Amino acid sequence: MKIIVAIAFLLIFLSLGSALVYLMRDKGKSNRTVKALAFRVGFSISLFLLILVAHHFGLIQPTGIR
């Protein structure tokens, strides 16, 4: 489960980075930045839902505040 979450975080950061690159290169003339940010939002929502489902089925356990 930790590997899946780490991969999801990596995808989120890569999408954010690609949006920055597209923003700097295209200077706002194309919609590639919007698509990259939309993928980032999709990956973030997917990660949130994955964590909720994993908690529901007992694949992950809360540890609390230490």
C-alpha atoms as a PDB file:
ATOM      1  CA  MET A   1       0.000   0.000   0.000  1.00  0.00           C
ATOM      2  CA  LYS A   2       2.893   2.350   0.794  1.00  0.00           C
ATOM      3  CA  ILE A   3       4.299   1.867  -2.693  1.00  0.00           C
ATOM      4  CA  ILE A   4       0.973   2.707  -4.340  1.00  0.00           C
ATOM      5  CA  VAL A   5       0.646   5.902  -2.291  1.00  0.00           C
ATOM      6  CA  ALA A   6       4.235   6.875  -3.087  1.00  0.00           C
ATOM      7  CA  ILE A   7       3.611   6.335  -6.812  1.00  0.00           C
ATOM      8  CA  ALA A   8       0.455   8.444  -6.607  1.00  0.00           C
ATOM      9  CA  PHE A   9       2.384  11.277  -4.917  1.00  0.00           C
ATOM     10  CA  LEU A  10       5.051  11.006  -7.600  1.00  0.00           C
ATOM     11  CA  LEU A  11       2.416  11.271 -10.342  1.00  0.00           C
ATOM     12  CA  ILE A  12       0.912  14.321  -8.645  1.00  0.00           C
ATOM     13  CA  PHE A  13       4.281  16.078  -8.450  1.00  0.00           C
ATOM     14  CA  LEU A  14       5.206  15.137 -12.016  1.00  0.00           C
ATOM     15  CA  SER A  15       1.913  16.524 -13.274  1.00  0.00           C
ATOM     16  CA  LEU A  16       2.483  19.739 -11.348  1.00  0.00           C
ATOM     17  CA  GLY A  17       5.999  20.010 -12.778  1.00  0.00           C
ATOM     18  CA  SER A  18       4.834  19.408 -16.315  1.00  0.00           C
ATOM     19  CA  ALA A  19       2.192  22.113 -15.879  1.00  0.00           C
ATOM     20  CA  LEU A  20       4.939  24.525 -14.849  1.00  0.00           C
ATOM     21  CA  VAL A  21       7.035  23.585 -17.879  1.00  0.00           C
ATOM     22  CA  TYR A  22       4.067  24.008 -20.230  1.00  0.00           C
ATOM     23  CA  LEU A  23       3.218  27.346 -18.638  1.00  0.00           C
ATOM     24  CA  MET A  24       6.749  28.651 -19.173  1.00  0.00           C
ATOM     25  CA  ARG A  25       7.157  27.251 -22.691  1.00  0.00           C
ATOM     26  CA  ASP A  26       3.773  28.012 -24.229  1.00  0.00           C
ATOM     27  CA  LYS A  27       3.309  31.411 -22.539  1.00  0.00           C
ATOM     28  CA  GLY A  28      -0.430  30.711 -22.193  1.00  0.00           C
ATOM     29  CA  LYS A  29      -1.066  30.056 -25.878  1.00  0.00           C
ATOM     30  CA  SER A  30      -2.112  26.423 -25.512  1.00  0.00           C
ATOM     31  CA  ASN A  31      -4.237  24.464 -23.099  1.00  0.00           C
ATOM     32  CA  ARG A  32      -1.566  21.914 -22.121  1.00  0.00           C
ATOM     33  CA  THR A  33      -1.143  23.605 -18.741  1.00  0.00           C
ATOM     34  CA  VAL A  34      -4.846  23.232 -18.014  1.00  0.00           C
ATOM     35  CA  LYS A  35      -4.756  19.554 -18.981  1.00  0.00           C
ATOM     36  CA  ALA A  36      -1.733  18.883 -16.761  1.00  0.00           C
ATOM     37  CA  LEU A  37      -3.407  20.600 -13.806  1.00  0.00           C
ATOM     38  CA  ALA A  38      -6.622  18.673 -14.480  1.00  0.00           C
ATOM     39  CA  PHE A  39      -4.640  15.424 -14.353  1.00  0.00           C
ATOM     40  CA  ARG A  40      -3.122  16.591 -11.073  1.00  0.00           C
ATOM     41  CA  VAL A  41      -6.568  17.170  -9.593  1.00  0.00           C
ATOM     42  CA  GLY A  42      -7.680  13.756 -10.872  1.00  0.00           C
ATOM     43  CA  PHE A  43      -4.650  12.041  -9.335  1.00  0.00           C
ATOM     44  CA  SER A  44      -5.241  13.837  -6.021  1.00  0.00           C
ATOM     45  CA  ILE A  45      -8.900  12.827  -5.887  1.00  0.00           C
ATOM     46  CA  SER A  46      -7.993   9.257  -6.842  1.00  0.00           C
ATOM     47  CA  LEU A  47      -5.392   9.106  -4.057  1.00  0.00           C
ATOM     48  CA  PHE A  48      -7.906  10.414  -1.523  1.00  0.00           C
ATOM     49  CA  LEU A  49     -10.499   7.829  -2.579  1.00  0.00           C
ATOM     50  CA  LEU A  50      -7.874   5.072  -2.524  1.00  0.00           C
ATOM     51  CA  ILE A  51      -6.947   5.956   1.044  1.00  0.00           C
ATOM     52  CA  LEU A  52     -10.609   5.995   2.100  1.00  0.00           C
ATOM     53  CA  VAL A  53     -11.278   2.599   0.498  1.00  0.00           C
ATOM     54  CA  ALA A  54      -8.090   1.101   1.937  1.00  0.00           C
ATOM     55  CA  HIS A  55      -9.057   2.288   5.407  1.00  0.00           C
ATOM     56  CA  HIS A  56     -12.574   0.910   5.009  1.00  0.00           C
ATOM     57  CA  PHE A  57     -11.287  -2.554   4.058  1.00  0.00           C
ATOM     58  CA  GLY A  58      -8.616  -2.550   6.768  1.00  0.00           C
ATOM     59  CA  LEU A  59      -5.615  -2.355   4.466  1.00  0.00           C
ATOM     60  CA  ILE A  60      -4.282   0.632   6.413  1.00  0.00           C
ATOM     61  CA  GLN A  61      -4.706   1.507  10.056  1.00  0.00           C
ATOM     62  CA  PRO A  62      -4.676   4.955  11.671  1.00  0.00           C
ATOM     63  CA  THR A  63      -1.798   5.491  14.076  1.00  0.00           C
ATOM     64  CA  GLY A  64      -3.064   8.575  15.871  1.00  0.00           C
ATOM     65  CA  ILE A  65      -1.094  11.553  17.083  1.00  0.00           C
ATOM     66  CA  ARG A  66       2.069  10.688  18.961  1.00  0.00           C
END
